[in-house]
Amino acid sequence: MMSHPIVYGAIDGVPVAGNCPPGALAATRTVTLKAAYRRSPPADYPRPDPGAPAAASLTATPRTIPAGTTLTLFSDEAEALIAAGFATAA
């Protein structure tokens, strides 16, 4: 299977983009944001915590999540934020 390109959102107008490879939605990763993140993934992109109570930062998109927030995302989105220098692993 091939990876699918995706834009998850933006920080200061800079797109946060990456690939959603097979299996990426099976793993999560926790990150801490270095800057405010305007999260706006495609409508069909699932929430990272489908069985958990809705996290305020993930219920409505697009939504701006403040710098310093620690959140759990699917590994593909977390890796895109870390690779761009917008988040650190928590």
PDB file of N, CA and C in Angstrom:
ATOM      1  N   MET A   1       0.836  -1.191   0.000  1.00  0.00           N
ATOM      2  CA  MET A   1       0.000   0.000   0.000  1.00  0.00           C
ATOM      3  C   MET A   1       0.873   1.242   0.000  1.00  0.00           C
ATOM      4  N   MET A   2       0.357   2.290  -0.573  1.00  0.00           N
ATOM      5  CA  MET A   2       1.089   3.543  -0.647  1.00  0.00           C
ATOM      6  C   MET A   2       0.645   4.486   0.461  1.00  0.00           C
ATOM      7  N   SER A   3       1.519   5.436   0.778  1.00  0.00           N
ATOM      8  CA  SER A   3       1.163   6.498   1.706  1.00  0.00           C
ATOM      9  C   SER A   3       0.259   7.489   1.004  1.00  0.00           C
ATOM     10  N   HIS A   4      -0.584   8.142   1.785  1.00  0.00           N
ATOM     11  CA  HIS A   4      -1.471   9.158   1.235  1.00  0.00           C
ATOM     12  C   HIS A   4      -1.068  10.514   1.798  1.00  0.00           C
ATOM     13  N   PRO A   5      -0.770  11.507   0.925  1.00  0.00           N
ATOM     14  CA  PRO A   5      -0.418  12.830   1.430  1.00  0.00           C
ATOM     15  C   PRO A   5      -1.627  13.468   2.110  1.00  0.00           C
ATOM     16  N   ILE A   6      -1.347  14.234   3.159  1.00  0.00           N
ATOM     17  CA  ILE A   6      -2.422  14.863   3.916  1.00  0.00           C
ATOM     18  C   ILE A   6      -1.910  16.155   4.528  1.00  0.00           C
ATOM     19  N   VAL A   7      -2.771  17.153   4.606  1.00  0.00           N
ATOM     20  CA  VAL A   7      -2.465  18.393   5.331  1.00  0.00           C
ATOM     21  C   VAL A   7      -3.309  18.365   6.598  1.00  0.00           C
ATOM     22  N   TYR A   8      -2.638  18.404   7.743  1.00  0.00           N
ATOM     23  CA  TYR A   8      -3.308  18.280   9.031  1.00  0.00           C
ATOM     24  C   TYR A   8      -3.784  19.618   9.576  1.00  0.00           C
ATOM     25  N   GLY A   9      -3.117  20.697   9.167  1.00  0.00           N
ATOM     26  CA  GLY A   9      -3.435  22.018   9.686  1.00  0.00           C
ATOM     27  C   GLY A   9      -2.301  22.965   9.348  1.00  0.00           C
ATOM     28  N   ALA A  10      -2.141  24.028  10.159  1.00  0.00           N
ATOM     29  CA  ALA A  10      -1.092  25.011   9.889  1.00  0.00           C
ATOM     30  C   ALA A  10      -0.652  25.685  11.178  1.00  0.00           C
ATOM     31  N   ILE A  11       0.582  26.151  11.154  1.00  0.00           N
ATOM     32  CA  ILE A  11       1.126  26.966  12.241  1.00  0.00           C
ATOM     33  C   ILE A  11       1.688  28.217  11.604  1.00  0.00           C
ATOM     34  N   ASP A  12       1.189  29.368  12.028  1.00  0.00           N
ATOM     35  CA  ASP A  12       1.585  30.655  11.451  1.00  0.00           C
ATOM     36  C   ASP A  12       1.477  30.655   9.931  1.00  0.00           C
ATOM     37  N   GLY A  13       0.452  30.011   9.410  1.00  0.00           N
ATOM     38  CA  GLY A  13       0.217  29.971   7.970  1.00  0.00           C
ATOM     39  C   GLY A  13       1.044  28.934   7.227  1.00  0.00           C
ATOM     40  N   VAL A  14       1.940  28.246   7.920  1.00  0.00           N
ATOM     41  CA  VAL A  14       2.771  27.217   7.299  1.00  0.00           C
ATOM     42  C   VAL A  14       2.043  25.875   7.419  1.00  0.00           C
ATOM     43  N   PRO A  15       1.737  25.230   6.293  1.00  0.00           N
ATOM     44  CA  PRO A  15       1.028  23.959   6.361  1.00  0.00           C
ATOM     45  C   PRO A  15       1.817  22.890   7.106  1.00  0.00           C
ATOM     46  N   VAL A  16       1.111  22.115   7.893  1.00  0.00           N
ATOM     47  CA  VAL A  16       1.681  20.933   8.537  1.00  0.00           C
ATOM     48  C   VAL A  16       1.184  19.764   7.701  1.00  0.00           C
ATOM     49  N   ALA A  17       2.085  19.204   6.915  1.00  0.00           N
ATOM     50  CA  ALA A  17       1.702  18.157   5.979  1.00  0.00           C
ATOM     51  C   ALA A  17       2.586  16.936   6.159  1.00  0.00           C
ATOM     52  N   GLY A  18       2.065  15.812   5.767  1.00  0.00           N
ATOM     53  CA  GLY A  18       2.824  14.574   5.849  1.00  0.00           C
ATOM     54  C   GLY A  18       2.138  13.506   5.047  1.00  0.00           C
ATOM     55  N   ASN A  19       2.497  12.278   5.338  1.00  0.00           N
ATOM     56  CA  ASN A  19       1.901  11.139   4.661  1.00  0.00           C
ATOM     57  C   ASN A  19       1.229  10.248   5.682  1.00  0.00           C
ATOM     58  N   CYS A  20       0.149   9.645   5.280  1.00  0.00           N
ATOM     59  CA  CYS A  20      -0.584   8.721   6.141  1.00  0.00           C
ATOM     60  C   CYS A  20      -0.342   7.320   5.603  1.00  0.00           C
ATOM     61  N   PRO A  21       0.770   6.684   6.055  1.00  0.00           N
ATOM     62  CA  PRO A  21       1.077   5.355   5.544  1.00  0.00           C
ATOM     63  C   PRO A  21       0.183   4.293   6.164  1.00  0.00           C
ATOM     64  N   PRO A  22       0.118   3.137   5.549  1.00  0.00           N
ATOM     65  CA  PRO A  22      -0.659   2.049   6.141  1.00  0.00           C
ATOM     66  C   PRO A  22      -0.187   1.789   7.567  1.00  0.00           C
ATOM     67  N   GLY A  23      -1.102   1.632   8.464  1.00  0.00           N
ATOM     68  CA  GLY A  23      -0.768   1.372   9.854  1.00  0.00           C
ATOM     69  C   GLY A  23      -0.588   2.611  10.708  1.00  0.00           C
ATOM     70  N   ALA A  24      -0.522   3.794  10.099  1.00  0.00           N
ATOM     71  CA  ALA A  24      -0.293   5.023  10.867  1.00  0.00           C
ATOM     72  C   ALA A  24      -1.432   5.286  11.843  1.00  0.00           C
ATOM     73  N   LEU A  25      -2.627   4.865  11.499  1.00  0.00           N
ATOM     74  CA  LEU A  25      -3.774   5.120  12.362  1.00  0.00           C
ATOM     75  C   LEU A  25      -3.905   4.068  13.464  1.00  0.00           C
ATOM     76  N   ALA A  26      -2.956   3.135  13.514  1.00  0.00           N
ATOM     77  CA  ALA A  26      -2.980   2.121  14.556  1.00  0.00           C
ATOM     78  C   ALA A  26      -2.138   2.535  15.760  1.00  0.00           C
ATOM     79  N   ALA A  27      -1.313   3.566  15.597  1.00  0.00           N
ATOM     80  CA  ALA A  27      -0.425   3.995  16.673  1.00  0.00           C
ATOM     81  C   ALA A  27      -0.638   5.476  16.967  1.00  0.00           C
ATOM     82  N   THR A  28      -0.505   5.836  18.234  1.00  0.00           N
ATOM     83  CA  THR A  28      -0.600   7.242  18.622  1.00  0.00           C
ATOM     84  C   THR A  28       0.733   7.674  19.221  1.00  0.00           C
ATOM     85  N   ARG A  29       0.905   8.986  19.281  1.00  0.00           N
ATOM     86  CA  ARG A  29       2.112   9.562  19.876  1.00  0.00           C
ATOM     87  C   ARG A  29       1.704  10.858  20.555  1.00  0.00           C
ATOM     88  N   THR A  30       2.293  11.118  21.713  1.00  0.00           N
ATOM     89  CA  THR A  30       1.981  12.322  22.464  1.00  0.00           C
ATOM     90  C   THR A  30       3.051  13.374  22.195  1.00  0.00           C
ATOM     91  N   VAL A  31       2.597  14.592  21.896  1.00  0.00           N
ATOM     92  CA  VAL A  31       3.502  15.701  21.601  1.00  0.00           C
ATOM     93  C   VAL A  31       3.103  16.933  22.411  1.00  0.00           C
ATOM     94  N   THR A  32       4.052  17.833  22.553  1.00  0.00           N
ATOM     95  CA  THR A  32       3.784  19.141  23.153  1.00  0.00           C
ATOM     96  C   THR A  32       4.053  20.185  22.086  1.00  0.00           C
ATOM     97  N   LEU A  33       3.063  21.040  21.838  1.00  0.00           N
ATOM     98  CA  LEU A  33       3.176  22.048  20.787  1.00  0.00           C
ATOM     99  C   LEU A  33       4.099  23.185  21.199  1.00  0.00           C
ATOM    100  N   LYS A  34       4.935  23.634  20.253  1.00  0.00           N
ATOM    101  CA  LYS A  34       5.823  24.769  20.477  1.00  0.00           C
ATOM    102  C   LYS A  34       5.163  26.082  20.047  1.00  0.00           C
ATOM    103  N   ALA A  35       4.109  25.991  19.261  1.00  0.00           N
ATOM    104  CA  ALA A  35       3.400  27.166  18.742  1.00  0.00           C
ATOM    105  C   ALA A  35       1.929  26.816  18.615  1.00  0.00           C
ATOM    106  N   ALA A  36       1.083  27.840  18.514  1.00  0.00           N
ATOM    107  CA  ALA A  36      -0.353  27.617  18.326  1.00  0.00           C
ATOM    108  C   ALA A  36      -0.572  26.873  17.010  1.00  0.00           C
ATOM    109  N   TYR A  37      -1.396  25.842  17.055  1.00  0.00           N
ATOM    110  CA  TYR A  37      -1.620  24.947  15.920  1.00  0.00           C
ATOM    111  C   TYR A  37      -3.067  25.026  15.484  1.00  0.00           C
ATOM    112  N   ARG A  38      -3.277  25.454  14.256  1.00  0.00           N
ATOM    113  CA  ARG A  38      -4.616  25.505  13.655  1.00  0.00           C
ATOM    114  C   ARG A  38      -4.869  24.137  13.027  1.00  0.00           C
ATOM    115  N   ARG A  39      -5.508  23.253  13.783  1.00  0.00           N
ATOM    116  CA  ARG A  39      -5.725  21.879  13.335  1.00  0.00           C
ATOM    117  C   ARG A  39      -6.969  21.813  12.455  1.00  0.00           C
ATOM    118  N   SER A  40      -6.785  21.320  11.239  1.00  0.00           N
ATOM    119  CA  SER A  40      -7.916  21.215  10.310  1.00  0.00           C
ATOM    120  C   SER A  40      -7.703  20.054   9.345  1.00  0.00           C
ATOM    121  N   PRO A  41      -7.644  18.831   9.871  1.00  0.00           N
ATOM    122  CA  PRO A  41      -7.481  17.688   8.977  1.00  0.00           C
ATOM    123  C   PRO A  41      -8.731  17.478   8.133  1.00  0.00           C
ATOM    124  N   PRO A  42      -8.619  16.689   7.072  1.00  0.00           N
ATOM    125  CA  PRO A  42      -9.803  16.399   6.254  1.00  0.00           C
ATOM    126  C   PRO A  42     -10.926  15.802   7.107  1.00  0.00           C
ATOM    127  N   ALA A  43     -12.139  16.005   6.684  1.00  0.00           N
ATOM    128  CA  ALA A  43     -13.309  15.566   7.451  1.00  0.00           C
ATOM    129  C   ALA A  43     -13.320  14.062   7.707  1.00  0.00           C
ATOM    130  N   ASP A  44     -12.726  13.277   6.824  1.00  0.00           N
ATOM    131  CA  ASP A  44     -12.750  11.827   7.012  1.00  0.00           C
ATOM    132  C   ASP A  44     -11.576  11.307   7.838  1.00  0.00           C
ATOM    133  N   TYR A  45     -10.700  12.203   8.315  1.00  0.00           N
ATOM    134  CA  TYR A  45      -9.579  11.781   9.158  1.00  0.00           C
ATOM    135  C   TYR A  45     -10.129  11.509  10.557  1.00  0.00           C
ATOM    136  N   PRO A  46      -9.936  10.301  11.090  1.00  0.00           N
ATOM    137  CA  PRO A  46     -10.558   9.954  12.373  1.00  0.00           C
ATOM    138  C   PRO A  46      -9.904  10.630  13.576  1.00  0.00           C
ATOM    139  N   ARG A  47     -10.664  10.729  14.661  1.00  0.00           N
ATOM    140  CA  ARG A  47     -10.110  11.228  15.916  1.00  0.00           C
ATOM    141  C   ARG A  47      -9.138  10.187  16.460  1.00  0.00           C
ATOM    142  N   PRO A  48      -8.033  10.609  17.097  1.00  0.00           N
ATOM    143  CA  PRO A  48      -7.084   9.651  17.642  1.00  0.00           C
ATOM    144  C   PRO A  48      -7.638   8.819  18.795  1.00  0.00           C
ATOM    145  N   ASP A  49      -8.688   9.285  19.441  1.00  0.00           N
ATOM    146  CA  ASP A  49      -9.203   8.603  20.633  1.00  0.00           C
ATOM    147  C   ASP A  49     -10.681   8.263  20.470  1.00  0.00           C
ATOM    148  N   PRO A  50     -11.043   7.452  19.457  1.00  0.00           N
ATOM    149  CA  PRO A  50     -12.458   7.236  19.168  1.00  0.00           C
ATOM    150  C   PRO A  50     -13.263   6.637  20.310  1.00  0.00           C
ATOM    151  N   GLY A  51     -12.646   5.889  21.208  1.00  0.00           N
ATOM    152  CA  GLY A  51     -13.394   5.279  22.295  1.00  0.00           C
ATOM    153  C   GLY A  51     -13.408   6.108  23.562  1.00  0.00           C
ATOM    154  N   ALA A  52     -12.634   7.174  23.591  1.00  0.00           N
ATOM    155  CA  ALA A  52     -12.515   8.000  24.791  1.00  0.00           C
ATOM    156  C   ALA A  52     -13.474   9.183  24.727  1.00  0.00           C
ATOM    157  N   PRO A  53     -13.735   9.805  25.863  1.00  0.00           N
ATOM    158  CA  PRO A  53     -14.536  11.034  25.829  1.00  0.00           C
ATOM    159  C   PRO A  53     -13.861  12.058  24.923  1.00  0.00           C
ATOM    160  N   ALA A  54     -14.624  12.846  24.250  1.00  0.00           N
ATOM    161  CA  ALA A  54     -14.076  13.812  23.292  1.00  0.00           C
ATOM    162  C   ALA A  54     -13.135  14.790  23.978  1.00  0.00           C
ATOM    163  N   ALA A  55     -11.919  14.882  23.448  1.00  0.00           N
ATOM    164  CA  ALA A  55     -10.958  15.862  23.954  1.00  0.00           C
ATOM    165  C   ALA A  55     -11.327  17.219  23.375  1.00  0.00           C
ATOM    166  N   ALA A  56     -11.339  18.226  24.209  1.00  0.00           N
ATOM    167  CA  ALA A  56     -11.741  19.566  23.754  1.00  0.00           C
ATOM    168  C   ALA A  56     -10.914  20.031  22.569  1.00  0.00           C
ATOM    169  N   SER A  57      -9.635  19.663  22.524  1.00  0.00           N
ATOM    170  CA  SER A  57      -8.773  20.121  21.443  1.00  0.00           C
ATOM    171  C   SER A  57      -9.011  19.382  20.131  1.00  0.00           C
ATOM    172  N   LEU A  58      -9.775  18.304  20.153  1.00  0.00           N
ATOM    173  CA  LEU A  58      -9.957  17.509  18.942  1.00  0.00           C
ATOM    174  C   LEU A  58     -11.397  17.402  18.479  1.00  0.00           C
ATOM    175  N   THR A  59     -12.336  17.988  19.200  1.00  0.00           N
ATOM    176  CA  THR A  59     -13.744  17.794  18.845  1.00  0.00           C
ATOM    177  C   THR A  59     -14.178  18.600  17.639  1.00  0.00           C
ATOM    178  N   ALA A  60     -13.756  19.821  17.532  1.00  0.00           N
ATOM    179  CA  ALA A  60     -14.178  20.669  16.420  1.00  0.00           C
ATOM    180  C   ALA A  60     -12.964  21.048  15.587  1.00  0.00           C
ATOM    181  N   THR A  61     -13.080  20.934  14.300  1.00  0.00           N
ATOM    182  CA  THR A  61     -11.998  21.383  13.429  1.00  0.00           C
ATOM    183  C   THR A  61     -12.597  22.237  12.332  1.00  0.00           C
ATOM    184  N   PRO A  62     -11.967  23.288  11.861  1.00  0.00           N
ATOM    185  CA  PRO A  62     -10.663  23.694  12.363  1.00  0.00           C
ATOM    186  C   PRO A  62     -10.767  24.300  13.761  1.00  0.00           C
ATOM    187  N   ARG A  63      -9.705  24.143  14.484  1.00  0.00           N
ATOM    188  CA  ARG A  63      -9.630  24.660  15.844  1.00  0.00           C
ATOM    189  C   ARG A  63      -8.180  25.011  16.136  1.00  0.00           C
ATOM    190  N   THR A  64      -7.956  26.130  16.815  1.00  0.00           N
ATOM    191  CA  THR A  64      -6.601  26.513  17.177  1.00  0.00           C
ATOM    192  C   THR A  64      -6.288  25.987  18.566  1.00  0.00           C
ATOM    193  N   ILE A  65      -5.206  25.244  18.666  1.00  0.00           N
ATOM    194  CA  ILE A  65      -4.758  24.657  19.920  1.00  0.00           C
ATOM    195  C   ILE A  65      -3.543  25.461  20.379  1.00  0.00           C
ATOM    196  N   PRO A  66      -3.557  25.992  21.595  1.00  0.00           N
ATOM    197  CA  PRO A  66      -2.488  26.885  22.049  1.00  0.00           C
ATOM    198  C   PRO A  66      -1.119  26.210  22.182  1.00  0.00           C
ATOM    199  N   ALA A  67      -0.071  27.003  22.033  1.00  0.00           N
ATOM    200  CA  ALA A  67       1.291  26.542  22.289  1.00  0.00           C
ATOM    201  C   ALA A  67       1.375  26.026  23.717  1.00  0.00           C
ATOM    202  N   GLY A  68       2.190  25.018  23.925  1.00  0.00           N
ATOM    203  CA  GLY A  68       2.356  24.447  25.245  1.00  0.00           C
ATOM    204  C   GLY A  68       1.402  23.312  25.552  1.00  0.00           C
ATOM    205  N   THR A  69       0.404  23.124  24.703  1.00  0.00           N
ATOM    206  CA  THR A  69      -0.570  22.052  24.901  1.00  0.00           C
ATOM    207  C   THR A  69       0.075  20.704  24.597  1.00  0.00           C
ATOM    208  N   THR A  70      -0.181  19.732  25.454  1.00  0.00           N
ATOM    209  CA  THR A  70       0.266  18.368  25.217  1.00  0.00           C
ATOM    210  C   THR A  70      -0.950  17.571  24.776  1.00  0.00           C
ATOM    211  N   LEU A  71      -0.826  16.896  23.637  1.00  0.00           N
ATOM    212  CA  LEU A  71      -1.954  16.125  23.134  1.00  0.00           C
ATOM    213  C   LEU A  71      -1.480  14.862  22.441  1.00  0.00           C
ATOM    214  N   THR A  72      -2.370  13.902  22.370  1.00  0.00           N
ATOM    215  CA  THR A  72      -2.078  12.632  21.727  1.00  0.00           C
ATOM    216  C   THR A  72      -2.733  12.622  20.351  1.00  0.00           C
ATOM    217  N   LEU A  73      -1.922  12.324  19.342  1.00  0.00           N
ATOM    218  CA  LEU A  73      -2.375  12.308  17.955  1.00  0.00           C
ATOM    219  C   LEU A  73      -1.968  10.985  17.322  1.00  0.00           C
ATOM    220  N   PHE A  74      -2.532  10.692  16.161  1.00  0.00           N
ATOM    221  CA  PHE A  74      -2.038   9.546  15.420  1.00  0.00           C
ATOM    222  C   PHE A  74      -0.590   9.811  15.054  1.00  0.00           C
ATOM    223  N   SER A  75       0.194   8.756  14.924  1.00  0.00           N
ATOM    224  CA  SER A  75       1.634   8.899  14.724  1.00  0.00           C
ATOM    225  C   SER A  75       1.996   9.717  13.491  1.00  0.00           C
ATOM    226  N   ASP A  76       1.216   9.635  12.421  1.00  0.00           N
ATOM    227  CA  ASP A  76       1.564  10.385  11.212  1.00  0.00           C
ATOM    228  C   ASP A  76       1.484  11.888  11.440  1.00  0.00           C
ATOM    229  N   GLU A  77       0.433  12.354  12.126  1.00  0.00           N
ATOM    230  CA  GLU A  77       0.275  13.784  12.407  1.00  0.00           C
ATOM    231  C   GLU A  77       1.328  14.247  13.413  1.00  0.00           C
ATOM    232  N   ALA A  78       1.561  13.448  14.445  1.00  0.00           N
ATOM    233  CA  ALA A  78       2.575  13.796  15.445  1.00  0.00           C
ATOM    234  C   ALA A  78       3.950  13.908  14.802  1.00  0.00           C
ATOM    235  N   GLU A  79       4.291  12.958  13.947  1.00  0.00           N
ATOM    236  CA  GLU A  79       5.599  12.983  13.277  1.00  0.00           C
ATOM    237  C   GLU A  79       5.740  14.201  12.366  1.00  0.00           C
ATOM    238  N   ALA A  80       4.664  14.593  11.703  1.00  0.00           N
ATOM    239  CA  ALA A  80       4.706  15.773  10.837  1.00  0.00           C
ATOM    240  C   ALA A  80       4.982  17.032  11.657  1.00  0.00           C
ATOM    241  N   LEU A  81       4.351  17.149  12.814  1.00  0.00           N
ATOM    242  CA  LEU A  81       4.585  18.307  13.691  1.00  0.00           C
ATOM    243  C   LEU A  81       6.016  18.328  14.209  1.00  0.00           C
ATOM    244  N   ILE A  82       6.514  17.171  14.619  1.00  0.00           N
ATOM    245  CA  ILE A  82       7.883  17.083  15.140  1.00  0.00           C
ATOM    246  C   ILE A  82       8.898  17.382  14.026  1.00  0.00           C
ATOM    247  N   ALA A  83       8.695  16.803  12.859  1.00  0.00           N
ATOM    248  CA  ALA A  83       9.619  17.001  11.734  1.00  0.00           C
ATOM    249  C   ALA A  83       9.691  18.460  11.308  1.00  0.00           C
ATOM    250  N   ALA A  84       8.582  19.165  11.411  1.00  0.00           N
ATOM    251  CA  ALA A  84       8.546  20.585  11.034  1.00  0.00           C
ATOM    252  C   ALA A  84       9.111  21.485  12.137  1.00  0.00           C
ATOM    253  N   GLY A  85       9.399  20.897  13.304  1.00  0.00           N
ATOM    254  CA  GLY A  85       9.936  21.696  14.410  1.00  0.00           C
ATOM    255  C   GLY A  85       8.878  22.409  15.215  1.00  0.00           C
ATOM    256  N   PHE A  86       7.614  22.027  15.029  1.00  0.00           N
ATOM    257  CA  PHE A  86       6.496  22.691  15.722  1.00  0.00           C
ATOM    258  C   PHE A  86       6.075  22.006  17.014  1.00  0.00           C
ATOM    259  N   ALA A  87       6.648  20.826  17.290  1.00  0.00           N
ATOM    260  CA  ALA A  87       6.293  20.085  18.497  1.00  0.00           C
ATOM    261  C   ALA A  87       7.477  19.241  18.936  1.00  0.00           C
ATOM    262  N   THR A  88       7.422  18.836  20.195  1.00  0.00           N
ATOM    263  CA  THR A  88       8.413  17.896  20.721  1.00  0.00           C
ATOM    264  C   THR A  88       7.682  16.677  21.236  1.00  0.00           C
ATOM    265  N   ALA A  89       8.361  15.549  21.259  1.00  0.00           N
ATOM    266  CA  ALA A  89       7.766  14.341  21.822  1.00  0.00           C
ATOM    267  C   ALA A  89       7.567  14.572  23.313  1.00  0.00           C
ATOM    268  N   ALA A  90       6.427  14.140  23.817  1.00  0.00           N
ATOM    269  CA  ALA A  90       6.135  14.334  25.255  1.00  0.00           C
ATOM    270  C   ALA A  90       6.330  13.039  26.002  1.00  0.00           C
TER     271      ALA A  90
END
